[in-house]
Amino acid sequence: MHRLIPALALLLTACTAAAPVAGFRDPARAIYSSAVLDPARLTGHWHQVADFAAAPGCAAAGVRFVPGGAAGRIDGQLCLAGVVTTLAGPITAIGPGRFAVAGLADPLWVLWADTDVRTLVIGTPAGRFGVILNRDTALPQDRLTAAREVLAWNGYDLDRLQISR
């Protein structure tokens, strides 16, 4: 009987272990968007400098935000979860720092922008993708460090973050 108790404890521990994380973030963790982001400051071209993927997938890309309408439009391509995804159409503000994009199932949440809006961290509550966008192709180390901290705070698995250099 005394040998049975440790075996039962081990079995219960195995049964209560956390389920594997779907996507690139732990959906049980809270996620926050930038409540103070002015969508007009997104206007212009952005280079993708990092993304999450299970394995090396596609080359870094970029998008352009154009003002107008409810929040404007987005045009370009991003690597989302290792797959080249074309984004072309209107975007609609659905909350502070949150945007619905025509043709994209997941909303884009701006998790962080530096003070001068030169770097953006974008994710989604489901964690199916996450990207770091930058005005220039070279992302300075201080902003990369800050972006990584924001992603970790929002439950992303940094081991799966691929930096485009």
C-alpha atoms as a PDB file:
ATOM      1  CA  MET A   1       0.000   0.000   0.000  1.00  0.00           C
ATOM      2  CA  HIS A   2       2.775   2.444   0.904  1.00  0.00           C
ATOM      3  CA  ARG A   3       4.294   1.942  -2.598  1.00  0.00           C
ATOM      4  CA  LEU A   4       0.965   2.712  -4.223  1.00  0.00           C
ATOM      5  CA  ILE A   5       0.702   6.241  -2.759  1.00  0.00           C
ATOM      6  CA  PRO A   6       3.806   7.679  -4.515  1.00  0.00           C
ATOM      7  CA  ALA A   7       2.708   6.045  -7.774  1.00  0.00           C
ATOM      8  CA  LEU A   8      -0.748   7.628  -7.462  1.00  0.00           C
ATOM      9  CA  ALA A   9       0.800  11.019  -6.665  1.00  0.00           C
ATOM     10  CA  LEU A  10       2.980  10.771  -9.782  1.00  0.00           C
ATOM     11  CA  LEU A  11      -0.018   9.799 -11.893  1.00  0.00           C
ATOM     12  CA  LEU A  12      -2.063  12.748 -10.593  1.00  0.00           C
ATOM     13  CA  THR A  13       0.819  15.124 -11.298  1.00  0.00           C
ATOM     14  CA  ALA A  14       1.027  13.870 -14.882  1.00  0.00           C
ATOM     15  CA  CYS A  15      -2.740  14.296 -15.343  1.00  0.00           C
ATOM     16  CA  THR A  16      -2.695  17.880 -14.087  1.00  0.00           C
ATOM     17  CA  ALA A  17       0.336  19.031 -16.086  1.00  0.00           C
ATOM     18  CA  ALA A  18      -0.298  22.077 -18.226  1.00  0.00           C
ATOM     19  CA  ALA A  19      -1.602  21.433 -21.707  1.00  0.00           C
ATOM     20  CA  PRO A  20       0.760  22.357 -24.529  1.00  0.00           C
ATOM     21  CA  VAL A  21       0.569  25.977 -25.583  1.00  0.00           C
ATOM     22  CA  ALA A  22      -1.177  26.513 -28.916  1.00  0.00           C
ATOM     23  CA  GLY A  23       0.548  29.228 -30.887  1.00  0.00           C
ATOM     24  CA  PHE A  24       3.445  31.221 -29.547  1.00  0.00           C
ATOM     25  CA  ARG A  25       2.056  32.576 -26.278  1.00  0.00           C
ATOM     26  CA  ASP A  26       0.454  31.151 -23.203  1.00  0.00           C
ATOM     27  CA  PRO A  27      -3.245  32.029 -23.604  1.00  0.00           C
ATOM     28  CA  ALA A  28      -3.727  31.760 -19.833  1.00  0.00           C
ATOM     29  CA  ARG A  29      -1.518  34.850 -19.404  1.00  0.00           C
ATOM     30  CA  ALA A  30      -3.040  38.322 -19.684  1.00  0.00           C
ATOM     31  CA  ILE A  31      -2.214  40.323 -22.804  1.00  0.00           C
ATOM     32  CA  TYR A  32      -2.211  44.105 -22.985  1.00  0.00           C
ATOM     33  CA  SER A  33      -2.447  46.513 -25.891  1.00  0.00           C
ATOM     34  CA  SER A  34      -1.114  50.058 -25.959  1.00  0.00           C
ATOM     35  CA  ALA A  35      -3.959  52.220 -24.655  1.00  0.00           C
ATOM     36  CA  VAL A  36      -2.210  55.491 -25.541  1.00  0.00           C
ATOM     37  CA  LEU A  37      -1.309  54.687 -29.143  1.00  0.00           C
ATOM     38  CA  ASP A  38      -2.471  57.288 -31.677  1.00  0.00           C
ATOM     39  CA  PRO A  39      -3.257  55.269 -34.858  1.00  0.00           C
ATOM     40  CA  ALA A  40      -2.203  58.233 -37.028  1.00  0.00           C
ATOM     41  CA  ARG A  41       1.377  57.736 -35.797  1.00  0.00           C
ATOM     42  CA  LEU A  42       1.489  54.330 -37.518  1.00  0.00           C
ATOM     43  CA  THR A  43       1.424  56.026 -40.942  1.00  0.00           C
ATOM     44  CA  GLY A  44       4.299  55.023 -43.199  1.00  0.00           C
ATOM     45  CA  HIS A  45       6.449  52.016 -44.023  1.00  0.00           C
ATOM     46  CA  TRP A  46       7.436  49.411 -41.436  1.00  0.00           C
ATOM     47  CA  HIS A  47      10.062  46.662 -41.816  1.00  0.00           C
ATOM     48  CA  GLN A  48       9.517  43.322 -40.133  1.00  0.00           C
ATOM     49  CA  VAL A  49      12.602  42.660 -38.031  1.00  0.00           C
ATOM     50  CA  ALA A  50      11.442  39.643 -35.994  1.00  0.00           C
ATOM     51  CA  ASP A  51       8.646  37.086 -35.856  1.00  0.00           C
ATOM     52  CA  PHE A  52       7.620  33.835 -34.213  1.00  0.00           C
ATOM     53  CA  ALA A  53       7.810  30.584 -36.148  1.00  0.00           C
ATOM     54  CA  ALA A  54       8.160  26.908 -35.322  1.00  0.00           C
ATOM     55  CA  ALA A  55      11.032  26.689 -37.809  1.00  0.00           C
ATOM     56  CA  PRO A  56      12.708  29.124 -40.177  1.00  0.00           C
ATOM     57  CA  GLY A  57       9.962  29.971 -42.611  1.00  0.00           C
ATOM     58  CA  CYS A  58       9.921  33.039 -44.785  1.00  0.00           C
ATOM     59  CA  ALA A  59      12.015  36.115 -45.326  1.00  0.00           C
ATOM     60  CA  ALA A  60      11.202  39.239 -43.366  1.00  0.00           C
ATOM     61  CA  ALA A  61       8.845  41.611 -45.103  1.00  0.00           C
ATOM     62  CA  GLY A  62       7.088  44.862 -44.386  1.00  0.00           C
ATOM     63  CA  VAL A  63       3.860  46.809 -44.484  1.00  0.00           C
ATOM     64  CA  ARG A  64       2.660  50.338 -45.024  1.00  0.00           C
ATOM     65  CA  PHE A  65      -0.037  51.957 -42.920  1.00  0.00           C
ATOM     66  CA  VAL A  66      -2.062  54.571 -44.789  1.00  0.00           C
ATOM     67  CA  PRO A  67      -4.386  56.921 -42.871  1.00  0.00           C
ATOM     68  CA  GLY A  68      -8.082  57.266 -43.646  1.00  0.00           C
ATOM     69  CA  GLY A  69     -11.490  55.861 -42.749  1.00  0.00           C
ATOM     70  CA  ALA A  70     -12.001  54.273 -39.334  1.00  0.00           C
ATOM     71  CA  ALA A  71      -8.265  53.660 -38.896  1.00  0.00           C
ATOM     72  CA  GLY A  72      -6.839  53.531 -42.417  1.00  0.00           C
ATOM     73  CA  ARG A  73      -5.504  50.728 -44.501  1.00  0.00           C
ATOM     74  CA  ILE A  74      -2.582  48.346 -44.494  1.00  0.00           C
ATOM     75  CA  ASP A  75      -0.664  47.125 -47.527  1.00  0.00           C
ATOM     76  CA  GLY A  76       2.240  44.703 -47.688  1.00  0.00           C
ATOM     77  CA  GLN A  77       3.386  41.307 -46.545  1.00  0.00           C
ATOM     78  CA  LEU A  78       4.366  39.951 -43.169  1.00  0.00           C
ATOM     79  CA  CYS A  79       5.699  36.593 -42.086  1.00  0.00           C
ATOM     80  CA  LEU A  80       3.049  35.386 -39.659  1.00  0.00           C
ATOM     81  CA  ALA A  81       3.937  32.100 -37.964  1.00  0.00           C
ATOM     82  CA  GLY A  82       6.448  31.382 -40.724  1.00  0.00           C
ATOM     83  CA  VAL A  83       4.025  31.960 -43.605  1.00  0.00           C
ATOM     84  CA  VAL A  84       4.106  34.924 -45.983  1.00  0.00           C
ATOM     85  CA  THR A  85       0.782  36.703 -45.455  1.00  0.00           C
ATOM     86  CA  THR A  86      -0.413  39.487 -47.739  1.00  0.00           C
ATOM     87  CA  LEU A  87      -2.262  42.256 -45.986  1.00  0.00           C
ATOM     88  CA  ALA A  88      -4.134  44.618 -48.278  1.00  0.00           C
ATOM     89  CA  GLY A  89      -7.195  46.468 -47.182  1.00  0.00           C
ATOM     90  CA  PRO A  90      -8.889  48.543 -44.556  1.00  0.00           C
ATOM     91  CA  ILE A  91      -8.074  48.356 -40.895  1.00  0.00           C
ATOM     92  CA  THR A  92     -10.601  49.231 -38.245  1.00  0.00           C
ATOM     93  CA  ALA A  93      -9.852  50.299 -34.684  1.00  0.00           C
ATOM     94  CA  ILE A  94     -11.647  47.855 -32.361  1.00  0.00           C
ATOM     95  CA  GLY A  95     -10.157  49.128 -29.119  1.00  0.00           C
ATOM     96  CA  PRO A  96      -7.124  51.009 -27.848  1.00  0.00           C
ATOM     97  CA  GLY A  97      -4.135  49.717 -29.793  1.00  0.00           C
ATOM     98  CA  ARG A  98      -6.295  46.998 -31.392  1.00  0.00           C
ATOM     99  CA  PHE A  99      -7.146  46.668 -35.072  1.00  0.00           C
ATOM    100  CA  ALA A 100      -9.230  44.367 -37.234  1.00  0.00           C
ATOM    101  CA  VAL A 101      -7.608  43.796 -40.618  1.00  0.00           C
ATOM    102  CA  ALA A 102      -9.608  42.828 -43.693  1.00  0.00           C
ATOM    103  CA  GLY A 103      -8.886  39.188 -44.565  1.00  0.00           C
ATOM    104  CA  LEU A 104      -7.048  38.400 -41.320  1.00  0.00           C
ATOM    105  CA  ALA A 105      -8.812  36.201 -38.754  1.00  0.00           C
ATOM    106  CA  ASP A 106      -6.870  37.520 -35.753  1.00  0.00           C
ATOM    107  CA  PRO A 107      -6.865  41.173 -34.742  1.00  0.00           C
ATOM    108  CA  LEU A 108      -3.561  43.022 -34.572  1.00  0.00           C
ATOM    109  CA  TRP A 109      -2.812  44.234 -31.069  1.00  0.00           C
ATOM    110  CA  VAL A 110      -0.039  46.793 -30.686  1.00  0.00           C
ATOM    111  CA  LEU A 111       1.551  45.571 -27.467  1.00  0.00           C
ATOM    112  CA  TRP A 112       4.174  48.310 -27.373  1.00  0.00           C
ATOM    113  CA  ALA A 113       5.547  51.234 -29.329  1.00  0.00           C
ATOM    114  CA  ASP A 114       8.606  53.153 -28.252  1.00  0.00           C
ATOM    115  CA  THR A 115       8.119  56.827 -27.375  1.00  0.00           C
ATOM    116  CA  ASP A 116       9.010  58.041 -30.873  1.00  0.00           C
ATOM    117  CA  VAL A 117       6.993  55.244 -32.567  1.00  0.00           C
ATOM    118  CA  ARG A 118      10.015  53.789 -34.366  1.00  0.00           C
ATOM    119  CA  THR A 119       9.428  50.225 -33.151  1.00  0.00           C
ATOM    120  CA  LEU A 120       6.167  48.292 -32.763  1.00  0.00           C
ATOM    121  CA  VAL A 121       5.488  44.987 -31.075  1.00  0.00           C
ATOM    122  CA  ILE A 122       2.365  43.387 -32.515  1.00  0.00           C
ATOM    123  CA  GLY A 123       0.650  40.272 -31.268  1.00  0.00           C
ATOM    124  CA  THR A 124      -2.725  38.659 -30.896  1.00  0.00           C
ATOM    125  CA  PRO A 125      -4.552  37.280 -27.853  1.00  0.00           C
ATOM    126  CA  ALA A 126      -4.640  33.785 -29.378  1.00  0.00           C
ATOM    127  CA  GLY A 127      -0.859  33.944 -29.822  1.00  0.00           C
ATOM    128  CA  ARG A 128      -0.963  32.518 -33.349  1.00  0.00           C
ATOM    129  CA  PHE A 129       1.597  35.118 -34.394  1.00  0.00           C
ATOM    130  CA  GLY A 130       3.710  37.970 -33.121  1.00  0.00           C
ATOM    131  CA  VAL A 131       6.021  40.367 -34.938  1.00  0.00           C
ATOM    132  CA  ILE A 132       8.375  43.224 -34.263  1.00  0.00           C
ATOM    133  CA  LEU A 133       8.215  46.032 -36.806  1.00  0.00           C
ATOM    134  CA  ASN A 134      10.707  48.869 -37.124  1.00  0.00           C
ATOM    135  CA  ARG A 135      10.892  52.006 -39.264  1.00  0.00           C
ATOM    136  CA  ASP A 136      14.424  51.022 -40.355  1.00  0.00           C
ATOM    137  CA  THR A 137      15.784  47.593 -41.216  1.00  0.00           C
ATOM    138  CA  ALA A 138      18.273  47.771 -38.328  1.00  0.00           C
ATOM    139  CA  LEU A 139      16.717  47.474 -34.880  1.00  0.00           C
ATOM    140  CA  PRO A 140      18.921  48.963 -32.126  1.00  0.00           C
ATOM    141  CA  GLN A 141      19.740  46.629 -29.235  1.00  0.00           C
ATOM    142  CA  ASP A 142      17.949  48.758 -26.613  1.00  0.00           C
ATOM    143  CA  ARG A 143      14.650  48.597 -28.496  1.00  0.00           C
ATOM    144  CA  LEU A 144      15.096  44.869 -29.210  1.00  0.00           C
ATOM    145  CA  THR A 145      15.616  44.301 -25.489  1.00  0.00           C
ATOM    146  CA  ALA A 146      12.488  46.321 -24.659  1.00  0.00           C
ATOM    147  CA  ALA A 147      10.461  44.488 -27.338  1.00  0.00           C
ATOM    148  CA  ARG A 148      11.564  41.107 -25.966  1.00  0.00           C
ATOM    149  CA  GLU A 149      10.575  42.159 -22.440  1.00  0.00           C
ATOM    150  CA  VAL A 150       7.117  43.218 -23.657  1.00  0.00           C
ATOM    151  CA  LEU A 151       6.630  39.940 -25.499  1.00  0.00           C
ATOM    152  CA  ALA A 152       7.668  37.926 -22.437  1.00  0.00           C
ATOM    153  CA  TRP A 153       5.354  40.006 -20.208  1.00  0.00           C
ATOM    154  CA  ASN A 154       2.485  39.172 -22.588  1.00  0.00           C
ATOM    155  CA  GLY A 155       3.176  35.436 -22.399  1.00  0.00           C
ATOM    156  CA  TYR A 156       5.147  34.859 -25.617  1.00  0.00           C
ATOM    157  CA  ASP A 157       7.743  32.070 -25.784  1.00  0.00           C
ATOM    158  CA  LEU A 158      10.938  33.974 -26.585  1.00  0.00           C
ATOM    159  CA  ASP A 159      12.736  30.749 -27.541  1.00  0.00           C
ATOM    160  CA  ARG A 160      10.660  30.799 -30.734  1.00  0.00           C
ATOM    161  CA  LEU A 161      11.370  34.441 -31.637  1.00  0.00           C
ATOM    162  CA  GLN A 162      13.408  34.731 -34.830  1.00  0.00           C
ATOM    163  CA  ILE A 163      15.328  37.935 -35.384  1.00  0.00           C
ATOM    164  CA  SER A 164      15.880  38.990 -39.006  1.00  0.00           C
ATOM    165  CA  ARG A 165      19.407  40.313 -39.318  1.00  0.00           C
END
